[in-house]
Amino acid sequence: MARSSGRSAVAAAAYRAGCVLVDERTGLVHDYTKKGGVISAEIIAPDGGSAERSALWNAAESAEKRKDSRTAREWIVAIPAELDAGQRRELAVSFGAQLASRYGVAVDVAIHEPDREGDNRNHHAHVLTTTRRVSRGAAGELVMGDKASIELSDKKRRELGLGPAADEVKAIRQLWEQTANRALERAGSGERIDARSLKDQGLDREATTHLGPVASEMERRGRISDRGDGNRQVAVNNEQRQELSAQIIDLKTERERRAKISPEAQQSDPLDIFRDGLDKAHAAGDGIDMQIAKRRFELAEEAQANGQNPKHIYSQINTQAQADVISGLYKANEVHRATARKAMGAEGKGHSEGVAERDQQAMPAADLVKAWDGRKVELVRDYRQRAQRLESRINQQIRGISTKRWNADVKHSAKRPAEPTGLFAAFKRSSYETALDAWKATATRIKAWKVAREKDLHKRLERVRGYLTPSGGLAERDAERKLQKERPELAARLPQARDEIKRENEAKKQALLAQKRERQALQKGRPGRGGQGL
């Protein structure tokens, strides 16, 4: 956790422990007493004792003088679901004690219960360590010393005969593996964890990405983040992998079955799955789905011609086919007009536009609405993603201005002229007042530094957040405007198409109601309104 990114060890400790702490360096109060999900939080010193949380982390902050200092290091560990509450606490505290002993640092261990929206087995611990070695003072308080070995640069570590810092990270992963597996063994569980990467373990599964504080906060507020989208796609990919592997889990049975099949029959065509999709789309008679299936088959043929197996890249082919068809619906008229102008010259302009207009008029209402709404969803998503990136950059700029202003104010406060005292105080009063006036003028300039810029950034931030509202907000409005400019022909016919679909749905509803009334009449012995009862 570095100051350069606007983070504070005091704020981090308060959040993870679910308590209130005052940052003595900035004067900010970090109150997370209303945060739920914190099961336990305790501090472990290298000597096996404990410490007061506020004193520890304020000491860690005050020990660092650089504006880009790292004030704390965090390890997040997933606790095995096979352990009960007591065993989970014992495991987390044991791991924290080993870190404290290994590096001579103080460790703050907070155990959290699973998130409400996540996997209910996901008990985890936040292990926050100081970046400096600690010792006991004369009064029993913790005193910050030199940087721990894991915090040193690789150059300094080489001078001390140590390996690169990356080796320390691997060693801590192995330490957690050993500690957790001993806990599982004591609990009588046959499960084990492995610190190696999925690739080194030989597992055909993608790893998710840690969200981090910014993305986590966005996801909790119902906003979409790039990392969250990436993790959701990884989950889908892994589920597909699991489904495919489950189909051939019994390799012996599969080999026996294949042995009974002729070699010719074993050579299945990779395009079969794409042909099946095309046949189903033809049977359904859906215009856009049929176009997507056709484009998907064309891309599969191209992939096979390039030496690829289309079945192995089905997801990429399907995504590309959908994008090609949706964009093609909007570009079709431009292509028609450009081709006609090139072939016929200026005289063909009216004819080309007439052809394009007839194509638009011939498009079924359902296809037109589906194309419009699909393109609008894409535009809204693009606007929201750009707004999220802009929101992050503006927040960084605001934090940078406020941090620089606060640091300058702290440094300037220390330079306040001392009021003269003693025998010659009266003679020094004039020079003191002159120096004090100059000091106050500088203090005023510091407090006013980039205030206007900061206000402007806050206004921009409010506008950007208008694109991130759950209801769509400005993203929906701008997407609609852009679509109307892109495709005025579609926009002109859209209300009519929507009314047509509404009338069709109402007609279907009335037909269903009529059928329902007929069935009810038959059950009562009346075939119809003009019929005779039985």
Protein backbone atom coordinates (compact mmCIF):
# COMPACT_ATOMS: atom_id res chain seq x y z
CA MET A 1 0.00 0.00 0.00
CA ALA A 2 1.76 3.12 -1.26
CA ARG A 3 1.05 6.79 -0.66
CA SER A 4 1.64 7.48 -4.35
CA SER A 5 -1.69 5.75 -5.08
CA GLY A 6 -3.48 7.74 -2.37
CA ARG A 7 -3.75 4.83 0.07
CA SER A 8 -3.30 4.87 3.84
CA ALA A 9 -2.32 2.05 6.20
CA VAL A 10 -4.60 3.52 8.91
CA ALA A 11 -7.61 3.54 6.57
CA ALA A 12 -6.83 0.00 5.38
CA ALA A 13 -6.56 -1.33 8.93
CA ALA A 14 -9.85 0.36 9.95
CA TYR A 15 -11.68 -1.11 6.95
CA ARG A 16 -10.36 -4.64 7.43
CA ALA A 17 -10.99 -4.67 11.19
CA GLY A 18 -14.37 -2.94 10.89
CA CYS A 19 -13.49 -0.27 13.45
CA VAL A 20 -12.90 3.50 13.70
CA LEU A 21 -9.34 4.88 13.51
CA VAL A 22 -8.03 8.45 13.32
CA ASP A 23 -5.15 9.09 10.92
CA GLU A 24 -2.93 11.41 12.95
CA ARG A 25 -0.94 12.38 9.84
CA THR A 26 -3.93 13.70 7.89
CA GLY A 27 -6.51 14.20 10.65
CA LEU A 28 -9.03 12.06 8.76
CA VAL A 29 -11.42 9.81 10.69
CA HIS A 30 -11.94 6.38 9.10
CA ASP A 31 -15.11 4.88 10.56
CA TYR A 32 -16.05 1.39 9.34
CA THR A 33 -17.96 0.27 12.42
CA LYS A 34 -21.09 -0.28 10.28
CA LYS A 35 -19.25 -2.60 7.90
CA GLY A 36 -20.46 -6.17 8.27
CA GLY A 37 -18.73 -9.44 7.62
CA VAL A 38 -15.73 -9.04 9.98
CA ILE A 39 -15.48 -12.20 12.09
CA SER A 40 -12.32 -11.39 14.05
CA ALA A 41 -9.31 -9.08 13.96
CA GLU A 42 -6.14 -9.32 16.05
CA ILE A 43 -2.59 -7.97 16.01
CA ILE A 44 0.49 -10.19 16.36
CA ALA A 45 3.93 -8.81 17.24
CA PRO A 46 7.23 -10.66 16.55
CA ASP A 47 7.61 -11.39 20.28
CA GLY A 48 4.23 -13.11 20.31
CA GLY A 49 2.48 -10.23 22.05
CA SER A 50 -0.11 -7.79 20.75
CA ALA A 51 -0.49 -4.02 20.31
CA GLU A 52 -3.10 -1.29 20.09
CA ARG A 53 -4.28 -0.97 16.47
CA SER A 54 -4.41 2.84 16.26
CA ALA A 55 -0.95 3.28 17.80
CA LEU A 56 0.57 0.62 15.54
CA TRP A 57 -0.64 1.92 12.19
CA ASN A 58 -0.17 5.60 13.03
CA ALA A 59 3.41 4.72 13.97
CA ALA A 60 3.77 2.92 10.63
CA GLU A 61 2.52 6.02 8.79
CA SER A 62 4.68 8.50 10.72
CA ALA A 63 7.81 6.38 10.17
CA GLU A 64 7.62 7.03 6.41
CA LYS A 65 8.66 10.46 5.11
CA ARG A 66 8.60 10.01 1.33
CA LYS A 67 5.43 10.81 -0.62
CA ASP A 68 5.75 7.48 -2.50
CA SER A 69 6.48 5.36 0.58
CA ARG A 70 4.95 1.93 1.04
CA THR A 71 3.39 1.93 4.50
CA ALA A 72 1.92 -1.58 4.63
CA ARG A 73 1.83 -4.85 2.73
CA GLU A 74 -1.28 -7.04 2.42
CA TRP A 75 -1.67 -10.77 1.87
CA ILE A 76 -5.17 -12.08 1.10
CA VAL A 77 -5.67 -15.80 1.70
CA ALA A 78 -8.69 -18.00 0.97
CA ILE A 79 -9.38 -20.25 3.95
CA PRO A 80 -10.40 -23.85 3.07
CA ALA A 81 -14.15 -24.42 3.41
CA GLU A 82 -13.48 -27.79 5.10
CA LEU A 83 -12.44 -26.02 8.35
CA ASP A 84 -14.84 -24.85 11.04
CA ALA A 85 -14.78 -21.38 12.63
CA GLY A 86 -12.22 -22.24 15.33
CA GLN A 87 -9.93 -23.98 12.86
CA ARG A 88 -10.18 -21.05 10.43
CA ARG A 89 -9.06 -18.61 13.12
CA GLU A 90 -6.25 -20.88 14.25
CA LEU A 91 -4.97 -21.20 10.66
CA ALA A 92 -5.07 -17.45 9.93
CA VAL A 93 -3.38 -16.51 13.24
CA SER A 94 -0.72 -19.20 12.74
CA PHE A 95 0.08 -17.86 9.27
CA GLY A 96 0.28 -14.29 10.62
CA ALA A 97 2.58 -15.38 13.47
CA GLN A 98 4.94 -17.05 10.98
CA LEU A 99 5.10 -13.85 8.91
CA ALA A 100 5.82 -11.82 12.06
CA SER A 101 8.61 -14.19 13.07
CA ARG A 102 10.07 -14.48 9.55
CA TYR A 103 10.39 -10.74 8.86
CA GLY A 104 10.24 -9.20 12.35
CA VAL A 105 7.13 -7.16 11.47
CA ALA A 106 3.80 -6.57 13.19
CA VAL A 107 0.83 -8.36 11.61
CA ASP A 108 -2.88 -7.43 11.67
CA VAL A 109 -5.03 -10.49 10.85
CA ALA A 110 -8.72 -9.90 9.98
CA ILE A 111 -10.99 -12.81 9.05
CA HIS A 112 -13.98 -11.95 6.83
CA GLU A 113 -17.02 -14.02 6.05
CA PRO A 114 -18.06 -14.59 2.39
CA ASP A 115 -19.62 -11.71 0.45
CA ARG A 116 -23.41 -11.85 0.21
CA GLU A 117 -23.28 -11.95 -3.60
CA GLY A 118 -20.42 -14.47 -3.79
CA ASP A 119 -19.66 -18.08 -2.94
CA ASN A 120 -20.84 -18.83 0.62
CA ARG A 121 -17.72 -20.98 1.16
CA ASN A 122 -15.35 -18.09 0.53
CA HIS A 123 -14.11 -17.36 4.05
CA HIS A 124 -10.92 -15.36 3.69
CA ALA A 125 -8.39 -13.42 5.73
CA HIS A 126 -6.74 -10.05 5.15
CA VAL A 127 -3.20 -10.19 6.59
CA LEU A 128 -1.79 -6.66 6.87
CA THR A 129 1.91 -6.33 7.77
CA THR A 130 4.11 -3.33 8.55
CA THR A 131 6.92 -2.68 6.09
CA ARG A 132 9.39 -2.05 8.91
CA ARG A 133 10.72 -4.34 11.61
CA VAL A 134 9.28 -3.58 15.04
CA SER A 135 10.61 -3.90 18.58
CA ARG A 136 9.39 -3.08 22.07
CA GLY A 137 10.22 0.27 23.63
CA ALA A 138 10.92 0.91 27.30
CA ALA A 139 7.22 1.43 27.99
CA GLY A 140 6.23 -1.71 26.08
CA GLU A 141 5.09 0.13 22.94
CA LEU A 142 6.05 -1.03 19.45
CA VAL A 143 8.87 0.96 17.85
CA MET A 144 9.47 1.05 14.10
CA GLY A 145 12.94 0.05 12.92
CA ASP A 146 14.56 -0.58 9.54
CA LYS A 147 12.73 -1.87 6.48
CA ALA A 148 11.99 -5.60 6.46
CA SER A 149 14.05 -7.69 4.05
CA ILE A 150 11.09 -8.29 1.71
CA GLU A 151 10.72 -4.52 1.23
CA LEU A 152 14.31 -3.93 0.10
CA SER A 153 15.20 -3.33 -3.54
CA ASP A 154 16.76 -6.19 -5.49
CA LYS A 155 20.04 -4.25 -5.62
CA LYS A 156 20.15 -3.94 -1.81
CA ARG A 157 19.15 -7.59 -1.43
CA ARG A 158 22.04 -8.66 -3.68
CA GLU A 159 24.44 -6.66 -1.53
CA LEU A 160 23.14 -8.58 1.49
CA GLY A 161 23.48 -11.91 -0.31
CA LEU A 162 19.72 -12.37 -0.74
CA GLY A 163 17.77 -13.41 -3.82
CA PRO A 164 15.25 -11.21 -5.67
CA ALA A 165 12.09 -10.08 -3.87
CA ALA A 166 10.00 -12.20 -6.26
CA ASP A 167 11.49 -15.29 -4.56
CA GLU A 168 10.04 -14.08 -1.25
CA VAL A 169 6.55 -13.98 -2.75
CA LYS A 170 6.91 -17.58 -3.97
CA ALA A 171 8.22 -18.59 -0.54
CA ILE A 172 5.18 -17.03 1.18
CA ARG A 173 2.83 -18.88 -1.20
CA GLN A 174 4.58 -22.14 -0.26
CA LEU A 175 4.40 -21.19 3.44
CA TRP A 176 0.63 -20.73 3.14
CA GLU A 177 0.31 -24.06 1.29
CA GLN A 178 2.18 -25.92 4.03
CA THR A 179 0.34 -24.18 6.88
CA ALA A 180 -3.10 -24.71 5.32
CA ASN A 181 -2.43 -28.36 4.46
CA ARG A 182 -1.31 -29.08 8.04
CA ALA A 183 -4.58 -27.54 9.24
CA LEU A 184 -6.57 -29.69 6.79
CA GLU A 185 -4.71 -32.79 7.94
CA ARG A 186 -5.41 -32.04 11.62
CA ALA A 187 -9.09 -31.53 10.70
CA GLY A 188 -9.19 -35.01 9.14
CA SER A 189 -9.85 -33.72 5.63
CA GLY A 190 -8.36 -35.32 2.55
CA GLU A 191 -8.40 -32.03 0.61
CA ARG A 192 -5.12 -30.20 -0.06
CA ILE A 193 -4.21 -26.85 -1.62
CA ASP A 194 -1.41 -26.26 -4.13
CA ALA A 195 0.62 -23.03 -4.30
CA ARG A 196 1.69 -23.64 -7.87
CA SER A 197 0.06 -21.87 -10.79
CA LEU A 198 -2.75 -23.65 -12.66
CA LYS A 199 -0.40 -24.15 -15.61
CA ASP A 200 2.30 -25.73 -13.44
CA GLN A 201 -0.35 -28.00 -11.92
CA GLY A 202 -1.38 -29.14 -15.41
CA LEU A 203 -4.94 -27.85 -14.94
CA ASP A 204 -6.88 -26.66 -17.99
CA ARG A 205 -8.49 -23.72 -16.23
CA GLU A 206 -8.11 -19.95 -16.41
CA ALA A 207 -7.22 -17.97 -13.30
CA THR A 208 -9.29 -14.98 -12.22
CA THR A 209 -7.84 -11.52 -11.55
CA HIS A 210 -7.89 -9.83 -8.15
CA LEU A 211 -10.37 -6.95 -8.40
CA GLY A 212 -8.57 -4.50 -6.16
CA PRO A 213 -10.23 -1.73 -4.09
CA VAL A 214 -11.49 0.43 -6.97
CA ALA A 215 -13.10 -2.37 -9.00
CA SER A 216 -14.49 -4.03 -5.85
CA GLU A 217 -16.22 -0.79 -4.81
CA MET A 218 -17.65 -0.37 -8.33
CA GLU A 219 -19.02 -3.93 -8.34
CA ARG A 220 -20.58 -3.47 -4.87
CA ARG A 221 -22.41 -0.37 -6.16
CA GLY A 222 -23.78 -2.34 -9.10
CA ARG A 223 -21.41 -0.78 -11.64
CA ILE A 224 -19.61 -2.84 -14.26
CA SER A 225 -15.79 -2.96 -14.11
CA ASP A 226 -13.34 -4.25 -16.70
CA ARG A 227 -11.80 -6.65 -14.18
CA GLY A 228 -15.23 -7.85 -13.08
CA ASP A 229 -16.22 -8.50 -16.71
CA GLY A 230 -12.96 -10.36 -17.22
CA ASN A 231 -13.58 -12.59 -14.19
CA ARG A 232 -17.15 -13.30 -15.31
CA GLN A 233 -15.86 -14.33 -18.74
CA VAL A 234 -13.23 -16.56 -17.09
CA ALA A 235 -16.01 -18.24 -15.07
CA VAL A 236 -17.97 -18.92 -18.26
CA ASN A 237 -14.88 -20.27 -20.01
CA ASN A 238 -14.05 -22.56 -17.09
CA GLU A 239 -17.63 -23.82 -16.96
CA GLN A 240 -17.47 -24.68 -20.66
CA ARG A 241 -14.16 -26.46 -20.11
CA GLN A 242 -15.69 -28.44 -17.24
CA GLU A 243 -18.66 -29.47 -19.35
CA LEU A 244 -16.40 -30.65 -22.16
CA SER A 245 -14.05 -32.54 -19.84
CA ALA A 246 -16.99 -34.15 -18.03
CA GLN A 247 -18.08 -35.75 -21.28
CA ILE A 248 -14.85 -37.72 -21.58
CA ILE A 249 -13.99 -38.20 -17.91
CA ASP A 250 -14.01 -41.98 -18.23
CA LEU A 251 -11.14 -42.38 -20.68
CA LYS A 252 -11.11 -46.17 -20.58
CA THR A 253 -14.79 -46.40 -21.55
CA GLU A 254 -14.25 -43.82 -24.26
CA ARG A 255 -11.32 -45.77 -25.75
CA GLU A 256 -13.34 -49.01 -25.70
CA ARG A 257 -16.23 -47.28 -27.44
CA ARG A 258 -13.98 -45.81 -30.09
CA ALA A 259 -12.31 -49.17 -30.68
CA LYS A 260 -15.67 -50.58 -31.80
CA ILE A 261 -16.18 -47.77 -34.31
CA SER A 262 -14.64 -47.91 -37.76
CA PRO A 263 -11.73 -45.51 -38.42
CA GLU A 264 -13.81 -43.75 -41.09
CA ALA A 265 -16.61 -43.03 -38.63
CA GLN A 266 -14.15 -41.62 -36.07
CA GLN A 267 -13.19 -38.76 -38.39
CA SER A 268 -15.92 -36.27 -37.44
CA ASP A 269 -16.16 -33.04 -39.39
CA PRO A 270 -15.42 -29.97 -37.18
CA LEU A 271 -17.98 -28.04 -39.21
CA ASP A 272 -20.86 -30.31 -38.14
CA ILE A 273 -21.67 -28.19 -35.09
CA PHE A 274 -21.87 -25.08 -37.29
CA ARG A 275 -24.08 -26.89 -39.84
CA ASP A 276 -26.43 -27.95 -37.04
CA GLY A 277 -26.73 -24.34 -35.89
CA LEU A 278 -27.46 -23.22 -39.45
CA ASP A 279 -30.16 -25.88 -39.87
CA LYS A 280 -31.83 -24.88 -36.58
CA ALA A 281 -31.83 -21.20 -37.60
CA HIS A 282 -33.41 -22.07 -40.96
CA ALA A 283 -36.07 -24.11 -39.17
CA ALA A 284 -36.82 -21.27 -36.74
CA GLY A 285 -37.06 -18.78 -39.60
CA ASP A 286 -35.60 -15.92 -37.51
CA GLY A 287 -34.00 -13.36 -39.86
CA ILE A 288 -31.13 -12.09 -37.71
CA ASP A 289 -30.41 -15.46 -36.07
CA MET A 290 -30.26 -16.98 -39.54
CA GLN A 291 -27.78 -14.33 -40.68
CA ILE A 292 -25.62 -14.92 -37.60
CA ALA A 293 -25.65 -18.69 -38.15
CA LYS A 294 -24.72 -18.22 -41.81
CA ARG A 295 -21.87 -15.82 -40.95
CA ARG A 296 -20.70 -18.20 -38.22
CA PHE A 297 -20.49 -21.04 -40.73
CA GLU A 298 -18.52 -18.83 -43.16
CA LEU A 299 -16.01 -17.91 -40.45
CA ALA A 300 -15.69 -21.57 -39.46
CA GLU A 301 -14.86 -22.50 -43.07
CA GLU A 302 -12.25 -19.74 -43.20
CA ALA A 303 -10.68 -20.95 -39.92
CA GLN A 304 -10.52 -24.52 -41.21
CA ALA A 305 -8.91 -23.35 -44.45
CA ASN A 306 -6.25 -21.58 -42.36
CA GLY A 307 -5.40 -24.81 -40.52
CA GLN A 308 -7.41 -24.15 -37.35
CA ASN A 309 -10.02 -26.38 -35.74
CA PRO A 310 -13.24 -24.31 -35.69
CA LYS A 311 -14.62 -26.26 -32.73
CA HIS A 312 -11.72 -25.10 -30.55
CA ILE A 313 -12.43 -21.42 -31.25
CA TYR A 314 -16.22 -21.59 -31.31
CA SER A 315 -16.60 -18.73 -28.80
CA GLN A 316 -14.43 -16.34 -30.84
CA ILE A 317 -16.21 -17.28 -34.07
CA ASN A 318 -19.65 -16.77 -32.52
CA THR A 319 -18.71 -13.35 -31.08
CA GLN A 320 -17.24 -12.24 -34.41
CA ALA A 321 -20.31 -13.44 -36.33
CA GLN A 322 -22.68 -11.48 -34.09
CA ALA A 323 -20.55 -8.33 -34.40
CA ASP A 324 -20.35 -8.67 -38.21
CA VAL A 325 -24.11 -9.11 -38.63
CA ILE A 326 -25.12 -6.27 -36.30
CA SER A 327 -22.64 -3.83 -37.87
CA GLY A 328 -23.64 -5.04 -41.34
CA LEU A 329 -27.26 -4.07 -40.77
CA TYR A 330 -26.17 -0.46 -40.26
CA LYS A 331 -23.63 -0.36 -43.09
CA ALA A 332 -25.66 -2.15 -45.75
CA ASN A 333 -27.28 0.99 -47.14
CA GLU A 334 -23.98 2.90 -47.28
CA VAL A 335 -22.45 0.02 -49.25
CA HIS A 336 -25.40 -0.02 -51.68
CA ARG A 337 -25.20 3.73 -52.23
CA ALA A 338 -21.41 3.78 -52.63
CA THR A 339 -21.50 0.92 -55.15
CA ALA A 340 -24.29 2.55 -57.13
CA ARG A 341 -22.51 5.93 -57.25
CA LYS A 342 -19.28 4.33 -58.37
CA ALA A 343 -20.98 2.39 -61.17
CA MET A 344 -23.49 4.98 -62.36
CA GLY A 345 -21.95 8.33 -61.45
CA ALA A 346 -23.90 11.27 -60.10
CA GLU A 347 -26.93 10.38 -62.20
CA GLY A 348 -27.40 7.18 -60.22
CA LYS A 349 -27.68 8.90 -56.88
CA GLY A 350 -31.46 8.96 -56.76
CA HIS A 351 -31.78 5.37 -57.90
CA SER A 352 -29.23 4.13 -55.31
CA GLU A 353 -31.00 5.88 -52.46
CA GLY A 354 -34.30 4.49 -53.68
CA VAL A 355 -32.89 0.95 -53.58
CA ALA A 356 -31.53 1.49 -50.07
CA GLU A 357 -34.85 2.93 -48.94
CA ARG A 358 -36.73 -0.06 -50.35
CA ASP A 359 -34.30 -2.38 -48.51
CA GLN A 360 -35.08 -0.59 -45.27
CA GLN A 361 -38.82 -0.71 -45.93
CA ALA A 362 -38.54 -4.43 -46.70
CA MET A 363 -36.78 -5.22 -43.39
CA PRO A 364 -39.24 -6.94 -41.01
CA ALA A 365 -40.24 -4.84 -38.02
CA ALA A 366 -38.89 -7.39 -35.54
CA ASP A 367 -35.46 -7.44 -37.26
CA LEU A 368 -35.34 -3.64 -37.40
CA VAL A 369 -36.12 -3.27 -33.68
CA LYS A 370 -33.70 -6.05 -32.75
CA ALA A 371 -30.92 -4.43 -34.80
CA TRP A 372 -31.62 -0.99 -33.31
CA ASP A 373 -31.73 -2.25 -29.71
CA GLY A 374 -28.63 -4.42 -30.20
CA ARG A 375 -26.61 -1.49 -31.52
CA LYS A 376 -27.91 0.72 -28.73
CA VAL A 377 -26.76 -1.80 -26.10
CA GLU A 378 -23.27 -1.73 -27.64
CA LEU A 379 -23.16 2.06 -27.61
CA VAL A 380 -24.39 2.26 -24.00
CA ARG A 381 -21.74 -0.25 -22.95
CA ASP A 382 -19.03 1.75 -24.72
CA TYR A 383 -20.17 5.00 -23.08
CA ARG A 384 -20.22 3.36 -19.64
CA GLN A 385 -16.76 1.82 -20.06
CA ARG A 386 -15.29 5.15 -21.15
CA ALA A 387 -17.02 6.86 -18.22
CA GLN A 388 -15.57 4.33 -15.78
CA ARG A 389 -12.05 4.94 -17.04
CA LEU A 390 -12.58 8.70 -16.93
CA GLU A 391 -14.03 8.51 -13.42
CA SER A 392 -10.91 6.69 -12.22
CA ARG A 393 -8.58 9.25 -13.83
CA ILE A 394 -10.50 12.24 -12.41
CA ASN A 395 -10.50 10.72 -8.92
CA GLN A 396 -6.74 10.23 -9.20
CA GLN A 397 -6.26 13.87 -10.22
CA ILE A 398 -8.42 15.10 -7.32
CA ARG A 399 -6.50 12.92 -4.83
CA GLY A 400 -3.20 14.15 -6.28
CA ILE A 401 -4.15 17.82 -5.85
CA SER A 402 -5.47 17.40 -2.30
CA THR A 403 -2.45 15.29 -1.25
CA LYS A 404 0.07 17.81 -2.62
CA ARG A 405 -1.80 20.71 -1.02
CA TRP A 406 -1.95 18.91 2.34
CA ASN A 407 1.77 17.99 2.24
CA ALA A 408 2.71 21.58 1.36
CA ASP A 409 0.52 22.87 4.19
CA VAL A 410 2.15 20.50 6.71
CA LYS A 411 5.65 21.51 5.63
CA HIS A 412 4.76 25.21 5.70
CA SER A 413 3.14 24.94 9.15
CA ALA A 414 6.48 23.75 10.52
CA LYS A 415 8.12 26.94 9.19
CA ARG A 416 5.89 29.35 11.14
CA PRO A 417 8.10 32.07 12.68
CA ALA A 418 8.60 31.72 16.41
CA GLU A 419 7.30 34.62 18.46
CA PRO A 420 10.23 36.48 20.08
CA THR A 421 10.65 36.22 23.83
CA GLY A 422 13.18 37.38 26.35
CA LEU A 423 14.98 40.61 26.95
CA PHE A 424 15.19 41.74 23.31
CA ALA A 425 11.68 40.63 22.29
CA ALA A 426 10.50 44.20 21.75
CA PHE A 427 13.36 44.90 19.34
CA LYS A 428 12.60 41.73 17.35
CA ARG A 429 8.84 42.35 17.15
CA SER A 430 8.92 44.32 13.89
CA SER A 431 10.93 41.72 11.96
CA TYR A 432 8.78 38.97 13.49
CA GLU A 433 5.54 40.59 12.29
CA THR A 434 6.98 41.06 8.80
CA ALA A 435 8.01 37.40 8.66
CA LEU A 436 4.62 36.32 10.05
CA ASP A 437 2.75 38.33 7.40
CA ALA A 438 4.85 36.72 4.68
CA TRP A 439 4.22 33.28 6.22
CA LYS A 440 0.46 33.89 6.32
CA ALA A 441 0.43 35.07 2.71
CA THR A 442 2.20 31.88 1.64
CA ALA A 443 -0.23 29.79 3.71
CA THR A 444 -3.15 31.49 1.95
CA ARG A 445 -1.65 30.74 -1.46
CA ILE A 446 -1.14 27.10 -0.48
CA LYS A 447 -4.76 26.73 0.65
CA ALA A 448 -5.98 28.34 -2.59
CA TRP A 449 -3.64 26.25 -4.80
CA LYS A 450 -5.64 24.67 -7.63
CA VAL A 451 -8.92 25.06 -5.73
CA ALA A 452 -10.64 26.21 -8.92
CA ARG A 453 -9.17 23.26 -10.80
CA GLU A 454 -10.37 20.90 -8.06
CA LYS A 455 -13.91 22.33 -8.22
CA ASP A 456 -13.90 21.92 -12.01
CA LEU A 457 -12.79 18.30 -11.62
CA HIS A 458 -15.62 17.65 -9.15
CA LYS A 459 -18.13 19.09 -11.64
CA ARG A 460 -16.69 16.88 -14.39
CA LEU A 461 -16.90 13.90 -12.05
CA GLU A 462 -20.60 14.53 -11.46
CA ARG A 463 -21.22 14.69 -15.21
CA VAL A 464 -19.26 11.48 -15.78
CA ARG A 465 -21.23 9.69 -13.06
CA GLY A 466 -24.37 10.61 -14.94
CA TYR A 467 -23.29 7.93 -17.46
CA LEU A 468 -22.98 5.30 -14.71
CA THR A 469 -26.43 5.42 -13.15
CA PRO A 470 -28.20 2.02 -13.01
CA SER A 471 -31.10 3.39 -15.09
CA GLY A 472 -28.81 4.29 -17.98
CA GLY A 473 -28.94 8.07 -17.65
CA LEU A 474 -26.78 10.02 -20.06
CA ALA A 475 -25.43 6.85 -21.68
CA GLU A 476 -28.93 5.93 -22.88
CA ARG A 477 -29.59 9.48 -24.10
CA ASP A 478 -26.34 9.82 -26.04
CA ALA A 479 -26.65 6.33 -27.52
CA GLU A 480 -30.11 7.21 -28.82
CA ARG A 481 -28.87 10.48 -30.32
CA LYS A 482 -25.89 8.84 -31.99
CA LEU A 483 -28.09 6.11 -33.46
CA GLN A 484 -30.48 8.70 -34.90
CA LYS A 485 -27.55 10.44 -36.61
CA GLU A 486 -26.01 7.16 -37.81
CA ARG A 487 -29.20 5.68 -39.19
CA PRO A 488 -31.86 8.31 -39.87
CA GLU A 489 -33.72 5.82 -42.12
CA LEU A 490 -34.03 3.32 -39.28
CA ALA A 491 -34.90 6.07 -36.82
CA ALA A 492 -37.72 7.30 -39.07
CA ARG A 493 -39.26 3.84 -39.31
CA LEU A 494 -38.56 2.74 -35.70
CA PRO A 495 -41.76 4.12 -34.06
CA GLN A 496 -43.84 2.46 -36.76
CA ALA A 497 -41.97 -0.81 -36.30
CA ARG A 498 -42.46 -0.73 -32.54
CA ASP A 499 -46.19 -0.02 -32.99
CA GLU A 500 -46.39 -2.89 -35.45
CA ILE A 501 -44.77 -5.29 -32.99
CA LYS A 502 -47.05 -3.99 -30.24
CA ARG A 503 -50.12 -4.63 -32.41
CA GLU A 504 -48.87 -8.13 -33.30
CA ASN A 505 -48.31 -8.94 -29.62
CA GLU A 506 -51.77 -7.58 -28.76
CA ALA A 507 -53.32 -9.68 -31.54
CA LYS A 508 -51.55 -12.77 -30.24
CA LYS A 509 -52.76 -11.97 -26.75
CA GLN A 510 -56.36 -11.59 -27.96
CA ALA A 511 -56.12 -14.87 -29.90
CA LEU A 512 -54.89 -16.65 -26.79
CA LEU A 513 -57.73 -15.15 -24.76
CA ALA A 514 -60.25 -16.27 -27.40
CA GLN A 515 -58.84 -19.81 -27.29
CA LYS A 516 -59.05 -19.73 -23.52
CA ARG A 517 -62.72 -18.64 -23.64
CA GLU A 518 -63.50 -21.42 -26.14
CA ARG A 519 -61.93 -24.02 -23.87
CA GLN A 520 -63.88 -22.68 -20.90
CA ALA A 521 -67.11 -22.79 -22.95
CA LEU A 522 -66.47 -26.40 -23.99
CA GLN A 523 -65.88 -27.36 -20.37
CA LYS A 524 -69.26 -25.85 -19.47
CA GLY A 525 -71.00 -27.70 -22.34
CA ARG A 526 -71.27 -24.71 -24.70
CA PRO A 527 -69.31 -25.21 -27.94
CA GLY A 528 -69.53 -21.50 -28.79
CA ARG A 529 -71.60 -18.39 -28.47
CA GLY A 530 -74.09 -19.49 -31.14
CA GLY A 531 -74.06 -23.22 -30.28
CA GLN A 532 -76.51 -25.25 -28.23
CA GLY A 533 -75.60 -26.78 -24.89
CA LEU A 534 -75.39 -30.50 -24.42
